[in-house]
Amino acid sequence: GAMGYNAMKHKILITLGALESVLRAEGYACPPGAAVDAALAAWNKAS
């Protein structure tokens, strides 16, 4: 959920960074840092 007080740029980025870290620890291969970079670009595109 990203609603109300949590629908903020830094909270989205922190959540995605945490999810990436946990997934990698659980054995799921994902590109390091890609989630935060993509989310930041999408947020900035929305101005």
All heavy atoms as atom14 arrays in JSON, in Angstrom:
{
  "sequence": "GAMGYNAMKHKILITLGALESVLRAEGYACPPGAAVDAALAAWNKAS",
  "atom14_mask": [
    [1, 1, 1, 1, 0, 0, 0, 0, 0, 0, 0, 0, 0, 0],
    [1, 1, 1, 1, 1, 0, 0, 0, 0, 0, 0, 0, 0, 0],
    [1, 1, 1, 1, 1, 1, 1, 1, 0, 0, 0, 0, 0, 0],
    [1, 1, 1, 1, 0, 0, 0, 0, 0, 0, 0, 0, 0, 0],
    [1, 1, 1, 1, 1, 1, 1, 1, 1, 1, 1, 1, 0, 0],
    [1, 1, 1, 1, 1, 1, 1, 1, 0, 0, 0, 0, 0, 0],
    [1, 1, 1, 1, 1, 0, 0, 0, 0, 0, 0, 0, 0, 0],
    [1, 1, 1, 1, 1, 1, 1, 1, 0, 0, 0, 0, 0, 0],
    [1, 1, 1, 1, 1, 1, 1, 1, 1, 0, 0, 0, 0, 0],
    [1, 1, 1, 1, 1, 1, 1, 1, 1, 1, 0, 0, 0, 0],
    [1, 1, 1, 1, 1, 1, 1, 1, 1, 0, 0, 0, 0, 0],
    [1, 1, 1, 1, 1, 1, 1, 1, 0, 0, 0, 0, 0, 0],
    [1, 1, 1, 1, 1, 1, 1, 1, 0, 0, 0, 0, 0, 0],
    [1, 1, 1, 1, 1, 1, 1, 1, 0, 0, 0, 0, 0, 0],
    [1, 1, 1, 1, 1, 1, 1, 0, 0, 0, 0, 0, 0, 0],
    [1, 1, 1, 1, 1, 1, 1, 1, 0, 0, 0, 0, 0, 0],
    [1, 1, 1, 1, 0, 0, 0, 0, 0, 0, 0, 0, 0, 0],
    [1, 1, 1, 1, 1, 0, 0, 0, 0, 0, 0, 0, 0, 0],
    [1, 1, 1, 1, 1, 1, 1, 1, 0, 0, 0, 0, 0, 0],
    [1, 1, 1, 1, 1, 1, 1, 1, 1, 0, 0, 0, 0, 0],
    [1, 1, 1, 1, 1, 1, 0, 0, 0, 0, 0, 0, 0, 0],
    [1, 1, 1, 1, 1, 1, 1, 0, 0, 0, 0, 0, 0, 0],
    [1, 1, 1, 1, 1, 1, 1, 1, 0, 0, 0, 0, 0, 0],
    [1, 1, 1, 1, 1, 1, 1, 1, 1, 1, 1, 0, 0, 0],
    [1, 1, 1, 1, 1, 0, 0, 0, 0, 0, 0, 0, 0, 0],
    [1, 1, 1, 1, 1, 1, 1, 1, 1, 0, 0, 0, 0, 0],
    [1, 1, 1, 1, 0, 0, 0, 0, 0, 0, 0, 0, 0, 0],
    [1, 1, 1, 1, 1, 1, 1, 1, 1, 1, 1, 1, 0, 0],
    [1, 1, 1, 1, 1, 0, 0, 0, 0, 0, 0, 0, 0, 0],
    [1, 1, 1, 1, 1, 1, 0, 0, 0, 0, 0, 0, 0, 0],
    [1, 1, 1, 1, 1, 1, 1, 0, 0, 0, 0, 0, 0, 0],
    [1, 1, 1, 1, 1, 1, 1, 0, 0, 0, 0, 0, 0, 0],
    [1, 1, 1, 1, 0, 0, 0, 0, 0, 0, 0, 0, 0, 0],
    [1, 1, 1, 1, 1, 0, 0, 0, 0, 0, 0, 0, 0, 0],
    [1, 1, 1, 1, 1, 0, 0, 0, 0, 0, 0, 0, 0, 0],
    [1, 1, 1, 1, 1, 1, 1, 0, 0, 0, 0, 0, 0, 0],
    [1, 1, 1, 1, 1, 1, 1, 1, 0, 0, 0, 0, 0, 0],
    [1, 1, 1, 1, 1, 0, 0, 0, 0, 0, 0, 0, 0, 0],
    [1, 1, 1, 1, 1, 0, 0, 0, 0, 0, 0, 0, 0, 0],
    [1, 1, 1, 1, 1, 1, 1, 1, 0, 0, 0, 0, 0, 0],
    [1, 1, 1, 1, 1, 0, 0, 0, 0, 0, 0, 0, 0, 0],
    [1, 1, 1, 1, 1, 0, 0, 0, 0, 0, 0, 0, 0, 0],
    [1, 1, 1, 1, 1, 1, 1, 1, 1, 1, 1, 1, 1, 1],
    [1, 1, 1, 1, 1, 1, 1, 1, 0, 0, 0, 0, 0, 0],
    [1, 1, 1, 1, 1, 1, 1, 1, 1, 0, 0, 0, 0, 0],
    [1, 1, 1, 1, 1, 0, 0, 0, 0, 0, 0, 0, 0, 0],
    [1, 1, 1, 1, 1, 1, 0, 0, 0, 0, 0, 0, 0, 0]
  ],
  "atom14_positions": [
    [[0.82, -1.2, 0.0], [0.0, 0.0, 0.0], [0.86, 1.25, 0.0], [1.86, 1.33, 0.71], [0.0, 0.0, 0.0], [0.0, 0.0, 0.0], [0.0, 0.0, 0.0], [0.0, 0.0, 0.0], [0.0, 0.0, 0.0], [0.0, 0.0, 0.0], [0.0, 0.0, 0.0], [0.0, 0.0, 0.0], [0.0, 0.0, 0.0], [0.0, 0.0, 0.0]],
    [[0.48, 2.22, -0.81], [1.14, 3.53, -0.83], [0.02, 4.57, -0.83], [-0.42, 5.01, -1.88], [2.03, 3.69, -2.05], [0.0, 0.0, 0.0], [0.0, 0.0, 0.0], [0.0, 0.0, 0.0], [0.0, 0.0, 0.0], [0.0, 0.0, 0.0], [0.0, 0.0, 0.0], [0.0, 0.0, 0.0], [0.0, 0.0, 0.0], [0.0, 0.0, 0.0]],
    [[-0.45, 4.89, 0.36], [-1.61, 5.77, 0.46], [-1.44, 6.75, 1.61], [-0.73, 6.48, 2.58], [-2.88, 4.94, 0.65], [-2.89, 4.07, 1.88], [-4.27, 2.89, 1.92], [-3.6, 1.56, 0.93], [0.0, 0.0, 0.0], [0.0, 0.0, 0.0], [0.0, 0.0, 0.0], [0.0, 0.0, 0.0], [0.0, 0.0, 0.0], [0.0, 0.0, 0.0]],
    [[-2.1, 7.9, 1.47], [-2.03, 8.9, 2.53], [-0.6, 9.34, 2.8], [0.15, 9.7, 1.89], [0.0, 0.0, 0.0], [0.0, 0.0, 0.0], [0.0, 0.0, 0.0], [0.0, 0.0, 0.0], [0.0, 0.0, 0.0], [0.0, 0.0, 0.0], [0.0, 0.0, 0.0], [0.0, 0.0, 0.0], [0.0, 0.0, 0.0], [0.0, 0.0, 0.0]],
    [[-0.19, 9.25, 4.06], [1.15, 9.69, 4.47], [2.25, 8.87, 3.83], [3.37, 9.33, 3.65], [1.24, 9.6, 6.0], [2.54, 10.1, 6.57], [2.84, 11.47, 6.6], [3.49, 9.21, 7.07], [4.03, 11.93, 7.11], [4.69, 9.67, 7.59], [4.96, 11.03, 7.61], [6.15, 11.48, 8.12], [0.0, 0.0, 0.0], [0.0, 0.0, 0.0]],
    [[1.95, 7.62, 3.47], [2.96, 6.74, 2.89], [3.12, 6.91, 1.38], [4.03, 6.3, 0.79], [2.65, 5.27, 3.2], [3.01, 4.93, 4.64], [4.0, 5.41, 5.17], [2.21, 4.1, 5.27], [0.0, 0.0, 0.0], [0.0, 0.0, 0.0], [0.0, 0.0, 0.0], [0.0, 0.0, 0.0], [0.0, 0.0, 0.0], [0.0, 0.0, 0.0]],
    [[2.26, 7.66, 0.75], [2.39, 7.89, -0.7], [3.37, 9.03, -0.93], [3.02, 10.08, -1.47], [1.03, 8.2, -1.32], [0.0, 0.0, 0.0], [0.0, 0.0, 0.0], [0.0, 0.0, 0.0], [0.0, 0.0, 0.0], [0.0, 0.0, 0.0], [0.0, 0.0, 0.0], [0.0, 0.0, 0.0], [0.0, 0.0, 0.0], [0.0, 0.0, 0.0]],
    [[4.61, 8.81, -0.52], [5.66, 9.81, -0.65], [6.87, 9.19, -1.33], [7.13, 7.98, -1.19], [6.06, 10.36, 0.72], [4.96, 11.11, 1.44], [5.58, 11.84, 2.98], [4.09, 12.63, 3.59], [0.0, 0.0, 0.0], [0.0, 0.0, 0.0], [0.0, 0.0, 0.0], [0.0, 0.0, 0.0], [0.0, 0.0, 0.0], [0.0, 0.0, 0.0]],
    [[7.63, 10.02, -2.01], [8.76, 9.53, -2.8], [9.74, 8.73, -1.95], [10.1, 7.6, -2.3], [9.47, 10.7, -3.48], [10.69, 10.27, -4.28], [11.23, 11.43, -5.12], [11.73, 12.57, -4.28], [12.34, 13.65, -5.08], [0.0, 0.0, 0.0], [0.0, 0.0, 0.0], [0.0, 0.0, 0.0], [0.0, 0.0, 0.0], [0.0, 0.0, 0.0]],
    [[10.17, 9.29, -0.83], [11.21, 8.61, -0.05], [10.7, 7.3, 0.54], [11.46, 6.34, 0.68], [11.76, 9.53, 1.04], [10.81, 9.82, 2.16], [9.74, 10.68, 2.02], [10.76, 9.36, 3.43], [9.09, 10.76, 3.16], [9.67, 9.96, 4.03], [0.0, 0.0, 0.0], [0.0, 0.0, 0.0], [0.0, 0.0, 0.0], [0.0, 0.0, 0.0]],
    [[9.42, 7.23, 0.86], [8.88, 6.0, 1.43], [8.79, 4.9, 0.37], [9.03, 3.72, 0.65], [7.52, 6.27, 2.06], [7.62, 7.12, 3.32], [6.26, 7.33, 3.95], [6.39, 8.16, 5.22], [7.07, 7.43, 6.31], [0.0, 0.0, 0.0], [0.0, 0.0, 0.0], [0.0, 0.0, 0.0], [0.0, 0.0, 0.0], [0.0, 0.0, 0.0]],
    [[8.46, 5.28, -0.86], [8.45, 4.31, -1.95], [9.86, 3.77, -2.19], [10.07, 2.55, -2.31], [7.92, 4.96, -3.25], [6.51, 5.52, -3.06], [7.96, 3.96, -4.41], [5.47, 4.5, -2.75], [0.0, 0.0, 0.0], [0.0, 0.0, 0.0], [0.0, 0.0, 0.0], [0.0, 0.0, 0.0], [0.0, 0.0, 0.0], [0.0, 0.0, 0.0]],
    [[10.83, 4.66, -2.22], [12.21, 4.25, -2.48], [12.76, 3.37, -1.36], [13.44, 2.37, -1.63], [13.1, 5.49, -2.66], [12.7, 6.45, -3.79], [13.68, 7.61, -3.86], [12.61, 5.74, -5.13], [0.0, 0.0, 0.0], [0.0, 0.0, 0.0], [0.0, 0.0, 0.0], [0.0, 0.0, 0.0], [0.0, 0.0, 0.0], [0.0, 0.0, 0.0]],
    [[12.47, 3.72, -0.12], [12.94, 2.92, 1.01], [12.31, 1.52, 0.97], [13.0, 0.51, 1.2], [12.6, 3.62, 2.34], [13.48, 4.87, 2.5], [12.79, 2.68, 3.52], [13.06, 5.76, 3.66], [0.0, 0.0, 0.0], [0.0, 0.0, 0.0], [0.0, 0.0, 0.0], [0.0, 0.0, 0.0], [0.0, 0.0, 0.0], [0.0, 0.0, 0.0]],
    [[11.03, 1.45, 0.67], [10.34, 0.16, 0.63], [10.91, -0.72, -0.47], [11.15, -1.92, -0.27], [8.82, 0.37, 0.41], [8.3, 1.13, 1.5], [8.09, -0.96, 0.33], [0.0, 0.0, 0.0], [0.0, 0.0, 0.0], [0.0, 0.0, 0.0], [0.0, 0.0, 0.0], [0.0, 0.0, 0.0], [0.0, 0.0, 0.0], [0.0, 0.0, 0.0]],
    [[11.12, -0.15, -1.64], [11.67, -0.93, -2.76], [13.09, -1.39, -2.46], [13.47, -2.53, -2.77], [11.61, -0.11, -4.05], [10.21, 0.08, -4.63], [10.25, 1.14, -5.73], [9.66, -1.24, -5.17], [0.0, 0.0, 0.0], [0.0, 0.0, 0.0], [0.0, 0.0, 0.0], [0.0, 0.0, 0.0], [0.0, 0.0, 0.0], [0.0, 0.0, 0.0]],
    [[13.89, -0.51, -1.87], [15.26, -0.89, -1.51], [15.27, -2.04, -0.5], [16.08, -2.97, -0.6], [0.0, 0.0, 0.0], [0.0, 0.0, 0.0], [0.0, 0.0, 0.0], [0.0, 0.0, 0.0], [0.0, 0.0, 0.0], [0.0, 0.0, 0.0], [0.0, 0.0, 0.0], [0.0, 0.0, 0.0], [0.0, 0.0, 0.0], [0.0, 0.0, 0.0]],
    [[14.36, -1.97, 0.46], [14.26, -3.03, 1.46], [13.81, -4.33, 0.82], [14.35, -5.4, 1.12], [13.29, -2.61, 2.56], [0.0, 0.0, 0.0], [0.0, 0.0, 0.0], [0.0, 0.0, 0.0], [0.0, 0.0, 0.0], [0.0, 0.0, 0.0], [0.0, 0.0, 0.0], [0.0, 0.0, 0.0], [0.0, 0.0, 0.0], [0.0, 0.0, 0.0]],
    [[12.82, -4.25, -0.06], [12.32, -5.46, -0.72], [13.42, -6.11, -1.56], [13.56, -7.34, -1.55], [11.11, -5.12, -1.59], [10.46, -6.3, -2.32], [9.99, -7.37, -1.35], [9.3, -5.81, -3.2], [0.0, 0.0, 0.0], [0.0, 0.0, 0.0], [0.0, 0.0, 0.0], [0.0, 0.0, 0.0], [0.0, 0.0, 0.0], [0.0, 0.0, 0.0]],
    [[14.18, -5.3, -2.26], [15.29, -5.84, -3.05], [16.3, -6.57, -2.16], [16.73, -7.69, -2.46], [16.0, -4.72, -3.81], [17.19, -5.21, -4.62], [18.14, -4.09, -5.01], [17.68, -3.12, -5.65], [19.34, -4.2, -4.68], [0.0, 0.0, 0.0], [0.0, 0.0, 0.0], [0.0, 0.0, 0.0], [0.0, 0.0, 0.0], [0.0, 0.0, 0.0]],
    [[16.65, -5.96, -1.04], [17.61, -6.56, -0.12], [17.1, -7.91, 0.4], [17.84, -8.89, 0.45], [17.89, -5.61, 1.04], [18.72, -6.21, 2.01], [0.0, 0.0, 0.0], [0.0, 0.0, 0.0], [0.0, 0.0, 0.0], [0.0, 0.0, 0.0], [0.0, 0.0, 0.0], [0.0, 0.0, 0.0], [0.0, 0.0, 0.0], [0.0, 0.0, 0.0]],
    [[15.84, -7.94, 0.78], [15.26, -9.16, 1.33], [15.18, -10.25, 0.26], [15.48, -11.42, 0.52], [13.86, -8.87, 1.93], [13.11, -10.16, 2.22], [13.99, -8.04, 3.19], [0.0, 0.0, 0.0], [0.0, 0.0, 0.0], [0.0, 0.0, 0.0], [0.0, 0.0, 0.0], [0.0, 0.0, 0.0], [0.0, 0.0, 0.0], [0.0, 0.0, 0.0]],
    [[14.76, -9.87, -0.95], [14.66, -10.86, -2.02], [16.01, -11.48, -2.34], [16.13, -12.69, -2.54], [14.05, -10.22, -3.27], [12.54, -9.98, -3.23], [12.11, -9.16, -4.45], [11.77, -11.29, -3.19], [0.0, 0.0, 0.0], [0.0, 0.0, 0.0], [0.0, 0.0, 0.0], [0.0, 0.0, 0.0], [0.0, 0.0, 0.0], [0.0, 0.0, 0.0]],
    [[17.04, -10.65, -2.37], [18.38, -11.17, -2.66], [18.83, -12.11, -1.54], [19.45, -13.15, -1.79], [19.36, -10.01, -2.84], [19.11, -9.23, -4.13], [19.89, -7.92, -4.14], [21.33, -8.15, -4.15], [22.06, -8.37, -5.24], [21.44, -8.39, -6.44], [23.35, -8.56, -5.19], [0.0, 0.0, 0.0], [0.0, 0.0, 0.0], [0.0, 0.0, 0.0]],
    [[18.49, -11.76, -0.29], [18.84, -12.61, 0.84], [18.09, -13.95, 0.78], [18.58, -14.96, 1.29], [18.54, -11.9, 2.15], [0.0, 0.0, 0.0], [0.0, 0.0, 0.0], [0.0, 0.0, 0.0], [0.0, 0.0, 0.0], [0.0, 0.0, 0.0], [0.0, 0.0, 0.0], [0.0, 0.0, 0.0], [0.0, 0.0, 0.0], [0.0, 0.0, 0.0]],
    [[16.91, -13.93, 0.16], [16.1, -15.14, 0.03], [16.44, -15.93, -1.23], [15.78, -16.92, -1.54], [14.62, -14.78, 0.02], [14.08, -14.35, 1.38], [14.01, -15.49, 2.37], [13.58, -16.6, 1.99], [14.41, -15.29, 3.54], [0.0, 0.0, 0.0], [0.0, 0.0, 0.0], [0.0, 0.0, 0.0], [0.0, 0.0, 0.0], [0.0, 0.0, 0.0]],
    [[17.47, -15.49, -1.95], [17.93, -16.26, -3.1], [17.36, -15.85, -4.44], [17.61, -16.51, -5.45], [0.0, 0.0, 0.0], [0.0, 0.0, 0.0], [0.0, 0.0, 0.0], [0.0, 0.0, 0.0], [0.0, 0.0, 0.0], [0.0, 0.0, 0.0], [0.0, 0.0, 0.0], [0.0, 0.0, 0.0], [0.0, 0.0, 0.0], [0.0, 0.0, 0.0]],
    [[16.61, -14.72, -4.47], [16.03, -14.26, -5.73], [17.0, -13.26, -6.37], [17.36, -12.25, -5.76], [14.67, -13.62, -5.49], [14.04, -13.04, -6.75], [13.39, -13.87, -7.65], [14.09, -11.67, -7.0], [12.8, -13.34, -8.79], [13.52, -11.14, -8.14], [12.87, -11.98, -9.04], [12.3, -11.45, -10.17], [0.0, 0.0, 0.0], [0.0, 0.0, 0.0]],
    [[17.42, -13.53, -7.57], [18.39, -12.66, -8.24], [17.68, -11.47, -8.88], [16.77, -11.62, -9.69], [19.13, -13.45, -9.32], [0.0, 0.0, 0.0], [0.0, 0.0, 0.0], [0.0, 0.0, 0.0], [0.0, 0.0, 0.0], [0.0, 0.0, 0.0], [0.0, 0.0, 0.0], [0.0, 0.0, 0.0], [0.0, 0.0, 0.0], [0.0, 0.0, 0.0]],
    [[18.1, -10.27, -8.48], [17.56, -9.06, -9.1], [18.69, -8.04, -9.21], [19.62, -8.02, -8.39], [16.38, -8.5, -8.31], [16.64, -8.29, -6.55], [0.0, 0.0, 0.0], [0.0, 0.0, 0.0], [0.0, 0.0, 0.0], [0.0, 0.0, 0.0], [0.0, 0.0, 0.0], [0.0, 0.0, 0.0], [0.0, 0.0, 0.0], [0.0, 0.0, 0.0]],
    [[18.64, -7.17, -10.21], [19.73, -6.2, -10.44], [19.86, -5.23, -9.27], [18.89, -4.57, -8.9], [19.28, -5.47, -11.71], [18.23, -6.34, -12.32], [17.56, -7.05, -11.21], [0.0, 0.0, 0.0], [0.0, 0.0, 0.0], [0.0, 0.0, 0.0], [0.0, 0.0, 0.0], [0.0, 0.0, 0.0], [0.0, 0.0, 0.0], [0.0, 0.0, 0.0]],
    [[21.04, -5.12, -8.66], [21.22, -4.22, -7.52], [20.92, -2.77, -7.88], [21.45, -2.24, -8.86], [22.7, -4.4, -7.17], [23.1, -5.71, -7.76], [22.27, -5.86, -9.0], [0.0, 0.0, 0.0], [0.0, 0.0, 0.0], [0.0, 0.0, 0.0], [0.0, 0.0, 0.0], [0.0, 0.0, 0.0], [0.0, 0.0, 0.0], [0.0, 0.0, 0.0]],
    [[20.07, -2.14, -7.1], [19.77, -0.72, -7.28], [18.79, -0.39, -8.39], [18.37, 0.78, -8.51], [0.0, 0.0, 0.0], [0.0, 0.0, 0.0], [0.0, 0.0, 0.0], [0.0, 0.0, 0.0], [0.0, 0.0, 0.0], [0.0, 0.0, 0.0], [0.0, 0.0, 0.0], [0.0, 0.0, 0.0], [0.0, 0.0, 0.0], [0.0, 0.0, 0.0]],
    [[18.43, -1.35, -9.19], [17.58, -1.06, -10.36], [16.18, -0.59, -9.94], [15.6, 0.29, -10.58], [17.46, -2.31, -11.24], [0.0, 0.0, 0.0], [0.0, 0.0, 0.0], [0.0, 0.0, 0.0], [0.0, 0.0, 0.0], [0.0, 0.0, 0.0], [0.0, 0.0, 0.0], [0.0, 0.0, 0.0], [0.0, 0.0, 0.0], [0.0, 0.0, 0.0]],
    [[15.66, -1.16, -8.87], [14.3, -0.81, -8.45], [14.21, 0.65, -8.03], [13.3, 1.38, -8.44], [13.86, -1.73, -7.31], [0.0, 0.0, 0.0], [0.0, 0.0, 0.0], [0.0, 0.0, 0.0], [0.0, 0.0, 0.0], [0.0, 0.0, 0.0], [0.0, 0.0, 0.0], [0.0, 0.0, 0.0], [0.0, 0.0, 0.0], [0.0, 0.0, 0.0]],
    [[15.15, 1.08, -7.19], [15.14, 2.47, -6.72], [15.36, 3.43, -7.88], [14.67, 4.47, -7.98], [16.22, 2.65, -5.64], [16.39, 4.14, -5.31], [15.84, 1.88, -4.38], [0.0, 0.0, 0.0], [0.0, 0.0, 0.0], [0.0, 0.0, 0.0], [0.0, 0.0, 0.0], [0.0, 0.0, 0.0], [0.0, 0.0, 0.0], [0.0, 0.0, 0.0]],
    [[16.28, 3.12, -8.78], [16.54, 3.99, -9.93], [15.29, 4.12, -10.8], [14.93, 5.23, -11.24], [17.69, 3.45, -10.77], [19.03, 3.59, -10.07], [19.11, 4.35, -9.09], [20.0, 2.92, -10.51], [0.0, 0.0, 0.0], [0.0, 0.0, 0.0], [0.0, 0.0, 0.0], [0.0, 0.0, 0.0], [0.0, 0.0, 0.0], [0.0, 0.0, 0.0]],
    [[14.63, 3.01, -11.07], [13.44, 3.03, -11.93], [12.3, 3.78, -11.26], [11.57, 4.54, -11.91], [13.01, 1.6, -12.26], [0.0, 0.0, 0.0], [0.0, 0.0, 0.0], [0.0, 0.0, 0.0], [0.0, 0.0, 0.0], [0.0, 0.0, 0.0], [0.0, 0.0, 0.0], [0.0, 0.0, 0.0], [0.0, 0.0, 0.0], [0.0, 0.0, 0.0]],
    [[12.13, 3.58, -9.96], [11.06, 4.27, -9.24], [11.29, 5.77, -9.19], [10.36, 6.56, -9.37], [10.96, 3.71, -7.82], [0.0, 0.0, 0.0], [0.0, 0.0, 0.0], [0.0, 0.0, 0.0], [0.0, 0.0, 0.0], [0.0, 0.0, 0.0], [0.0, 0.0, 0.0], [0.0, 0.0, 0.0], [0.0, 0.0, 0.0], [0.0, 0.0, 0.0]],
    [[12.54, 6.15, -8.96], [12.86, 7.58, -8.92], [12.61, 8.23, -10.26], [12.07, 9.35, -10.34], [14.33, 7.75, -8.5], [14.8, 9.17, -8.22], [13.96, 9.82, -7.15], [16.27, 9.16, -7.81], [0.0, 0.0, 0.0], [0.0, 0.0, 0.0], [0.0, 0.0, 0.0], [0.0, 0.0, 0.0], [0.0, 0.0, 0.0], [0.0, 0.0, 0.0]],
    [[12.98, 7.55, -11.34], [12.74, 8.1, -12.68], [11.24, 8.23, -12.95], [10.78, 9.23, -13.53], [13.39, 7.19, -13.73], [0.0, 0.0, 0.0], [0.0, 0.0, 0.0], [0.0, 0.0, 0.0], [0.0, 0.0, 0.0], [0.0, 0.0, 0.0], [0.0, 0.0, 0.0], [0.0, 0.0, 0.0], [0.0, 0.0, 0.0], [0.0, 0.0, 0.0]],
    [[10.45, 7.23, -12.53], [9.0, 7.28, -12.75], [8.37, 8.41, -11.95], [7.48, 9.12, -12.44], [8.37, 5.94, -12.36], [0.0, 0.0, 0.0], [0.0, 0.0, 0.0], [0.0, 0.0, 0.0], [0.0, 0.0, 0.0], [0.0, 0.0, 0.0], [0.0, 0.0, 0.0], [0.0, 0.0, 0.0], [0.0, 0.0, 0.0], [0.0, 0.0, 0.0]],
    [[8.84, 8.61, -10.71], [8.31, 9.7, -9.88], [8.64, 11.06, -10.51], [7.78, 11.93, -10.61], [8.89, 9.61, -8.48], [8.27, 10.63, -7.54], [8.56, 11.95, -7.47], [7.24, 10.38, -6.58], [7.79, 12.56, -6.52], [6.98, 11.62, -5.96], [6.56, 9.26, -6.16], [6.03, 11.74, -4.94], [5.61, 9.37, -5.15], [5.35, 10.61, -4.56]],
    [[9.9, 11.22, -10.93], [10.3, 12.5, -11.52], [9.55, 12.78, -12.82], [9.25, 13.93, -13.15], [11.81, 12.51, -11.77], [12.58, 12.55, -10.47], [12.09, 13.0, -9.44], [13.82, 12.07, -10.5], [0.0, 0.0, 0.0], [0.0, 0.0, 0.0], [0.0, 0.0, 0.0], [0.0, 0.0, 0.0], [0.0, 0.0, 0.0], [0.0, 0.0, 0.0]],
    [[9.25, 11.72, -13.56], [8.49, 11.9, -14.81], [7.09, 12.43, -14.53], [6.52, 13.15, -15.35], [8.4, 10.55, -15.55], [7.75, 10.65, -16.91], [7.75, 9.29, -17.61], [7.08, 9.39, -18.97], [7.07, 8.05, -19.66], [0.0, 0.0, 0.0], [0.0, 0.0, 0.0], [0.0, 0.0, 0.0], [0.0, 0.0, 0.0], [0.0, 0.0, 0.0]],
    [[6.56, 12.08, -13.37], [5.23, 12.56, -13.0], [5.26, 14.0, -12.49], [4.22, 14.57, -12.18], [4.63, 11.64, -11.93], [0.0, 0.0, 0.0], [0.0, 0.0, 0.0], [0.0, 0.0, 0.0], [0.0, 0.0, 0.0], [0.0, 0.0, 0.0], [0.0, 0.0, 0.0], [0.0, 0.0, 0.0], [0.0, 0.0, 0.0], [0.0, 0.0, 0.0]],
    [[6.47, 14.58, -12.39], [6.65, 15.99, -11.98], [6.09, 16.24, -10.59], [5.45, 17.27, -10.33], [5.97, 16.95, -12.98], [6.53, 16.8, -14.26], [0.0, 0.0, 0.0], [0.0, 0.0, 0.0], [0.0, 0.0, 0.0], [0.0, 0.0, 0.0], [0.0, 0.0, 0.0], [0.0, 0.0, 0.0], [0.0, 0.0, 0.0], [0.0, 0.0, 0.0]]
  ]
}
